[in-house]
Amino acid sequence: MKLNLNDAFNLLGISAGHLTPDDIKKAYRKAAQKYHPDKNPAGLEMMQAINAAYEVVKDFNGEVYTKGNNKDYGDQINAALNAIINLGLTIEICGAWVWVTGDTKPHRGTLKQAGFFWAVKKLAWYFRPEDAKCYSSKGSFTLEAIREKYGSEFITNRHSALLTA
């Protein structure tokens, strides 16, 4: 999973300011504790995202960071994942966006309520935190191009895993 610097800082709940490596470690530990799998149904997925974010920012050394201001960025992604994690759909994380495919029609209402939007050209649902809007491409990338650019991680389908266990 590839995150840009802004998404990584937002995911860790770090706002703009002068940052030291200790500030970044504290934010990482706080996020890891908050989204730990023992406390959260989507914890495994959130920990993967938190670890990816930390990899991006861990070497940020004493510089002034000016963009990040969305402290509930991780909470937004976490809430969206928790709302759909057990629906039996294919869930994929590409950068800071969550993509959902599979037999989504019966779950349209749940997806909309969780803040997902339908991407007609991609035939998939997506969720992105408010600060992760993309204005430049206007939907011109295919889902495969998005995967290549930002990386992709599929989330284990827990519903089907429970049925086969």
C-alpha atoms as a PDB file:
ATOM      1  CA  MET A   1       0.000   0.000   0.000  1.00  0.00           C
ATOM      2  CA  LYS A   2       1.409   3.386  -0.987  1.00  0.00           C
ATOM      3  CA  LEU A   3       0.328   6.507   0.876  1.00  0.00           C
ATOM      4  CA  ASN A   4       1.371  10.040   0.153  1.00  0.00           C
ATOM      5  CA  LEU A   5       2.802  12.116   2.995  1.00  0.00           C
ATOM      6  CA  ASN A   6      -0.446  13.989   3.654  1.00  0.00           C
ATOM      7  CA  ASP A   7      -2.533  10.794   3.828  1.00  0.00           C
ATOM      8  CA  ALA A   8       0.029   9.148   6.104  1.00  0.00           C
ATOM      9  CA  PHE A   9       0.098  12.061   8.557  1.00  0.00           C
ATOM     10  CA  ASN A  10      -3.693  12.310   8.544  1.00  0.00           C
ATOM     11  CA  LEU A  11      -4.088   8.581   9.114  1.00  0.00           C
ATOM     12  CA  LEU A  12      -1.817   8.830  12.163  1.00  0.00           C
ATOM     13  CA  GLY A  13      -3.773  11.844  13.423  1.00  0.00           C
ATOM     14  CA  ILE A  14      -0.830  14.227  13.093  1.00  0.00           C
ATOM     15  CA  SER A  15      -1.728  17.826  12.384  1.00  0.00           C
ATOM     16  CA  ALA A  16       0.423  20.563  10.930  1.00  0.00           C
ATOM     17  CA  GLY A  17       3.361  21.879  12.896  1.00  0.00           C
ATOM     18  CA  HIS A  18       6.995  21.284  13.770  1.00  0.00           C
ATOM     19  CA  LEU A  19       7.435  17.523  14.107  1.00  0.00           C
ATOM     20  CA  THR A  20      10.151  15.489  15.741  1.00  0.00           C
ATOM     21  CA  PRO A  21      10.683  11.746  15.385  1.00  0.00           C
ATOM     22  CA  ASP A  22       9.327  11.390  18.948  1.00  0.00           C
ATOM     23  CA  ASP A  23       6.078  13.149  17.958  1.00  0.00           C
ATOM     24  CA  ILE A  24       5.679  10.726  15.082  1.00  0.00           C
ATOM     25  CA  LYS A  25       6.373   7.665  17.277  1.00  0.00           C
ATOM     26  CA  LYS A  26       3.848   8.869  19.870  1.00  0.00           C
ATOM     27  CA  ALA A  27       1.204   9.346  17.180  1.00  0.00           C
ATOM     28  CA  TYR A  28       1.953   5.885  15.768  1.00  0.00           C
ATOM     29  CA  ARG A  29       1.657   4.230  19.179  1.00  0.00           C
ATOM     30  CA  LYS A  30      -1.576   6.079  19.935  1.00  0.00           C
ATOM     31  CA  ALA A  31      -3.093   5.033  16.590  1.00  0.00           C
ATOM     32  CA  ALA A  32      -1.874   1.438  17.013  1.00  0.00           C
ATOM     33  CA  GLN A  33      -3.482   1.247  20.429  1.00  0.00           C
ATOM     34  CA  LYS A  34      -6.719   2.850  19.219  1.00  0.00           C
ATOM     35  CA  TYR A  35      -7.170   0.561  16.201  1.00  0.00           C
ATOM     36  CA  HIS A  36      -5.695  -2.642  17.674  1.00  0.00           C
ATOM     37  CA  PRO A  37      -7.413  -5.845  16.459  1.00  0.00           C
ATOM     38  CA  ASP A  38      -8.349  -6.806  20.028  1.00  0.00           C
ATOM     39  CA  LYS A  39     -10.492  -3.654  20.297  1.00  0.00           C
ATOM     40  CA  ASN A  40     -11.814  -3.254  16.782  1.00  0.00           C
ATOM     41  CA  PRO A  41     -13.476  -5.562  14.197  1.00  0.00           C
ATOM     42  CA  ALA A  42     -11.522  -3.909  11.354  1.00  0.00           C
ATOM     43  CA  GLY A  43      -8.378  -3.751  13.500  1.00  0.00           C
ATOM     44  CA  LEU A  44      -6.221  -5.992  11.326  1.00  0.00           C
ATOM     45  CA  GLU A  45      -6.888  -3.845   8.276  1.00  0.00           C
ATOM     46  CA  MET A  46      -6.438  -0.621  10.220  1.00  0.00           C
ATOM     47  CA  MET A  47      -3.120  -1.846  11.636  1.00  0.00           C
ATOM     48  CA  GLN A  48      -1.906  -2.565   8.107  1.00  0.00           C
ATOM     49  CA  ALA A  49      -2.829   0.985   7.131  1.00  0.00           C
ATOM     50  CA  ILE A  50      -1.247   2.464  10.292  1.00  0.00           C
ATOM     51  CA  ASN A  51       1.976   0.511   9.671  1.00  0.00           C
ATOM     52  CA  ALA A  52       2.061   1.664   6.039  1.00  0.00           C
ATOM     53  CA  ALA A  53       1.551   5.263   7.188  1.00  0.00           C
ATOM     54  CA  TYR A  54       4.363   4.976   9.723  1.00  0.00           C
ATOM     55  CA  GLU A  55       6.723   3.621   7.044  1.00  0.00           C
ATOM     56  CA  VAL A  56       6.076   6.769   4.997  1.00  0.00           C
ATOM     57  CA  VAL A  57       6.622   9.273   7.829  1.00  0.00           C
ATOM     58  CA  LYS A  58       9.116   7.602  10.185  1.00  0.00           C
ATOM     59  CA  ASP A  59      12.100   9.420   8.631  1.00  0.00           C
ATOM     60  CA  PHE A  60      10.432  12.839   8.663  1.00  0.00           C
ATOM     61  CA  ASN A  61      13.031  14.606  10.774  1.00  0.00           C
ATOM     62  CA  GLY A  62      12.280  17.845  12.601  1.00  0.00           C
ATOM     63  CA  GLU A  63      10.664  19.619   9.691  1.00  0.00           C
ATOM     64  CA  VAL A  64       7.632  21.843   9.659  1.00  0.00           C
ATOM     65  CA  TYR A  65       4.639  20.076   8.181  1.00  0.00           C
ATOM     66  CA  THR A  66       1.874  22.363   6.923  1.00  0.00           C
ATOM     67  CA  LYS A  67      -0.904  20.307   5.339  1.00  0.00           C
ATOM     68  CA  GLY A  68      -2.389  17.740   7.710  1.00  0.00           C
ATOM     69  CA  ASN A  69      -5.356  18.881   9.746  1.00  0.00           C
ATOM     70  CA  ASN A  70      -7.818  16.011   9.656  1.00  0.00           C
ATOM     71  CA  LYS A  71      -7.448  14.241  12.987  1.00  0.00           C
ATOM     72  CA  ASP A  72     -10.436  11.936  12.379  1.00  0.00           C
ATOM     73  CA  TYR A  73      -9.096  10.600   9.064  1.00  0.00           C
ATOM     74  CA  GLY A  74      -8.334   7.161  10.525  1.00  0.00           C
ATOM     75  CA  ASP A  75     -11.667   7.130  12.326  1.00  0.00           C
ATOM     76  CA  GLN A  76     -13.472   7.762   9.039  1.00  0.00           C
ATOM     77  CA  ILE A  77     -11.765   4.823   7.326  1.00  0.00           C
ATOM     78  CA  ASN A  78     -12.234   2.620  10.387  1.00  0.00           C
ATOM     79  CA  ALA A  79     -15.975   3.369  10.618  1.00  0.00           C
ATOM     80  CA  ALA A  80     -16.460   2.665   6.902  1.00  0.00           C
ATOM     81  CA  LEU A  81     -14.615  -0.661   7.145  1.00  0.00           C
ATOM     82  CA  ASN A  82     -16.462  -1.736  10.289  1.00  0.00           C
ATOM     83  CA  ALA A  83     -19.812  -1.017   8.614  1.00  0.00           C
ATOM     84  CA  ILE A  84     -19.130  -3.432   5.737  1.00  0.00           C
ATOM     85  CA  ILE A  85     -16.466  -5.860   6.950  1.00  0.00           C
ATOM     86  CA  ASN A  86     -18.891  -8.765   7.430  1.00  0.00           C
ATOM     87  CA  LEU A  87     -21.051  -8.343   4.302  1.00  0.00           C
ATOM     88  CA  GLY A  88     -19.138 -10.909   2.236  1.00  0.00           C
ATOM     89  CA  LEU A  89     -17.924  -8.371  -0.316  1.00  0.00           C
ATOM     90  CA  THR A  90     -14.476  -7.946  -1.853  1.00  0.00           C
ATOM     91  CA  ILE A  91     -12.789  -5.068  -0.028  1.00  0.00           C
ATOM     92  CA  GLU A  92      -9.584  -3.543  -1.322  1.00  0.00           C
ATOM     93  CA  ILE A  93      -7.495  -0.678   0.006  1.00  0.00           C
ATOM     94  CA  CYS A  94      -5.633   1.453  -2.531  1.00  0.00           C
ATOM     95  CA  GLY A  95      -3.776   4.310  -0.894  1.00  0.00           C
ATOM     96  CA  ALA A  96      -6.270   6.065   1.381  1.00  0.00           C
ATOM     97  CA  TRP A  97      -9.301   4.852  -0.589  1.00  0.00           C
ATOM     98  CA  VAL A  98     -11.382   1.736   0.063  1.00  0.00           C
ATOM     99  CA  TRP A  99     -12.853  -0.010  -2.987  1.00  0.00           C
ATOM    100  CA  VAL A 100     -15.665  -2.580  -2.805  1.00  0.00           C
ATOM    101  CA  THR A 101     -16.679  -5.037  -5.505  1.00  0.00           C
ATOM    102  CA  GLY A 102     -18.583  -8.294  -5.717  1.00  0.00           C
ATOM    103  CA  ASP A 103     -22.339  -8.764  -5.392  1.00  0.00           C
ATOM    104  CA  THR A 104     -22.931  -5.293  -3.953  1.00  0.00           C
ATOM    105  CA  LYS A 105     -26.494  -4.727  -5.138  1.00  0.00           C
ATOM    106  CA  PRO A 106     -28.173  -6.262  -2.047  1.00  0.00           C
ATOM    107  CA  HIS A 107     -25.938  -4.069   0.137  1.00  0.00           C
ATOM    108  CA  ARG A 108     -26.446  -0.730  -1.643  1.00  0.00           C
ATOM    109  CA  GLY A 109     -28.204   0.870   1.308  1.00  0.00           C
ATOM    110  CA  THR A 110     -25.550  -0.216   3.795  1.00  0.00           C
ATOM    111  CA  LEU A 111     -22.752   1.003   1.521  1.00  0.00           C
ATOM    112  CA  LYS A 112     -24.401   4.397   1.031  1.00  0.00           C
ATOM    113  CA  GLN A 113     -25.068   4.744   4.748  1.00  0.00           C
ATOM    114  CA  ALA A 114     -21.387   3.978   5.467  1.00  0.00           C
ATOM    115  CA  GLY A 115     -20.327   6.820   3.134  1.00  0.00           C
ATOM    116  CA  PHE A 116     -19.431   4.820   0.034  1.00  0.00           C
ATOM    117  CA  PHE A 117     -20.098   6.167  -3.470  1.00  0.00           C
ATOM    118  CA  TRP A 118     -20.711   4.284  -6.720  1.00  0.00           C
ATOM    119  CA  ALA A 119     -18.076   4.735  -9.439  1.00  0.00           C
ATOM    120  CA  VAL A 120     -19.929   4.048 -12.685  1.00  0.00           C
ATOM    121  CA  LYS A 121     -16.839   3.713 -14.896  1.00  0.00           C
ATOM    122  CA  LYS A 122     -15.161   1.308 -12.476  1.00  0.00           C
ATOM    123  CA  LEU A 123     -18.292  -0.647 -11.528  1.00  0.00           C
ATOM    124  CA  ALA A 124     -17.205  -0.468  -7.892  1.00  0.00           C
ATOM    125  CA  TRP A 125     -18.050   1.374  -4.693  1.00  0.00           C
ATOM    126  CA  TYR A 126     -15.437   3.620  -3.086  1.00  0.00           C
ATOM    127  CA  PHE A 127     -14.864   5.374   0.204  1.00  0.00           C
ATOM    128  CA  ARG A 128     -12.345   8.092   0.799  1.00  0.00           C
ATOM    129  CA  PRO A 129     -11.865  10.403   3.752  1.00  0.00           C
ATOM    130  CA  GLU A 130     -12.982  13.972   3.136  1.00  0.00           C
ATOM    131  CA  ASP A 131      -9.387  15.225   2.794  1.00  0.00           C
ATOM    132  CA  ALA A 132      -8.506  12.571   0.210  1.00  0.00           C
ATOM    133  CA  LYS A 133     -10.549  14.093  -2.605  1.00  0.00           C
ATOM    134  CA  CYS A 134      -8.964  13.967  -6.030  1.00  0.00           C
ATOM    135  CA  TYR A 135      -9.905  16.814  -8.328  1.00  0.00           C
ATOM    136  CA  SER A 136      -7.410  16.415 -11.143  1.00  0.00           C
ATOM    137  CA  SER A 137      -8.249  13.048 -12.696  1.00  0.00           C
ATOM    138  CA  LYS A 138     -12.053  13.324 -12.749  1.00  0.00           C
ATOM    139  CA  GLY A 139     -12.410   9.527 -12.749  1.00  0.00           C
ATOM    140  CA  SER A 140     -10.204   8.945 -15.796  1.00  0.00           C
ATOM    141  CA  PHE A 141      -8.058   6.225 -14.165  1.00  0.00           C
ATOM    142  CA  THR A 142      -9.139   2.622 -14.371  1.00  0.00           C
ATOM    143  CA  LEU A 143      -9.210   0.606 -11.171  1.00  0.00           C
ATOM    144  CA  GLU A 144      -6.167  -1.302 -12.450  1.00  0.00           C
ATOM    145  CA  ALA A 145      -4.259   1.977 -12.993  1.00  0.00           C
ATOM    146  CA  ILE A 146      -5.169   3.050  -9.440  1.00  0.00           C
ATOM    147  CA  ARG A 147      -3.847  -0.277  -8.124  1.00  0.00           C
ATOM    148  CA  GLU A 148      -0.575   0.213 -10.006  1.00  0.00           C
ATOM    149  CA  LYS A 149      -0.116   3.774  -8.789  1.00  0.00           C
ATOM    150  CA  TYR A 150      -1.098   3.390  -5.106  1.00  0.00           C
ATOM    151  CA  GLY A 151      -0.671  -0.302  -4.445  1.00  0.00           C
ATOM    152  CA  SER A 152      -3.478  -2.580  -3.390  1.00  0.00           C
ATOM    153  CA  GLU A 153      -4.313  -4.784  -0.447  1.00  0.00           C
ATOM    154  CA  PHE A 154      -7.322  -7.051  -0.426  1.00  0.00           C
ATOM    155  CA  ILE A 155      -9.027  -7.570   2.888  1.00  0.00           C
ATOM    156  CA  THR A 156      -9.883 -11.124   3.816  1.00  0.00           C
ATOM    157  CA  ASN A 157     -13.560 -11.797   3.363  1.00  0.00           C
ATOM    158  CA  ARG A 158     -14.503 -12.581   6.950  1.00  0.00           C
ATOM    159  CA  HIS A 159     -18.070 -13.593   6.148  1.00  0.00           C
ATOM    160  CA  SER A 160     -17.005 -16.421   3.834  1.00  0.00           C
ATOM    161  CA  ALA A 161     -14.144 -17.367   6.189  1.00  0.00           C
ATOM    162  CA  LEU A 162     -16.681 -17.811   8.980  1.00  0.00           C
ATOM    163  CA  LEU A 163     -18.903 -19.959   6.768  1.00  0.00           C
ATOM    164  CA  THR A 164     -16.070 -22.328   5.864  1.00  0.00           C
ATOM    165  CA  ALA A 165     -14.677 -22.645   9.381  1.00  0.00           C
END
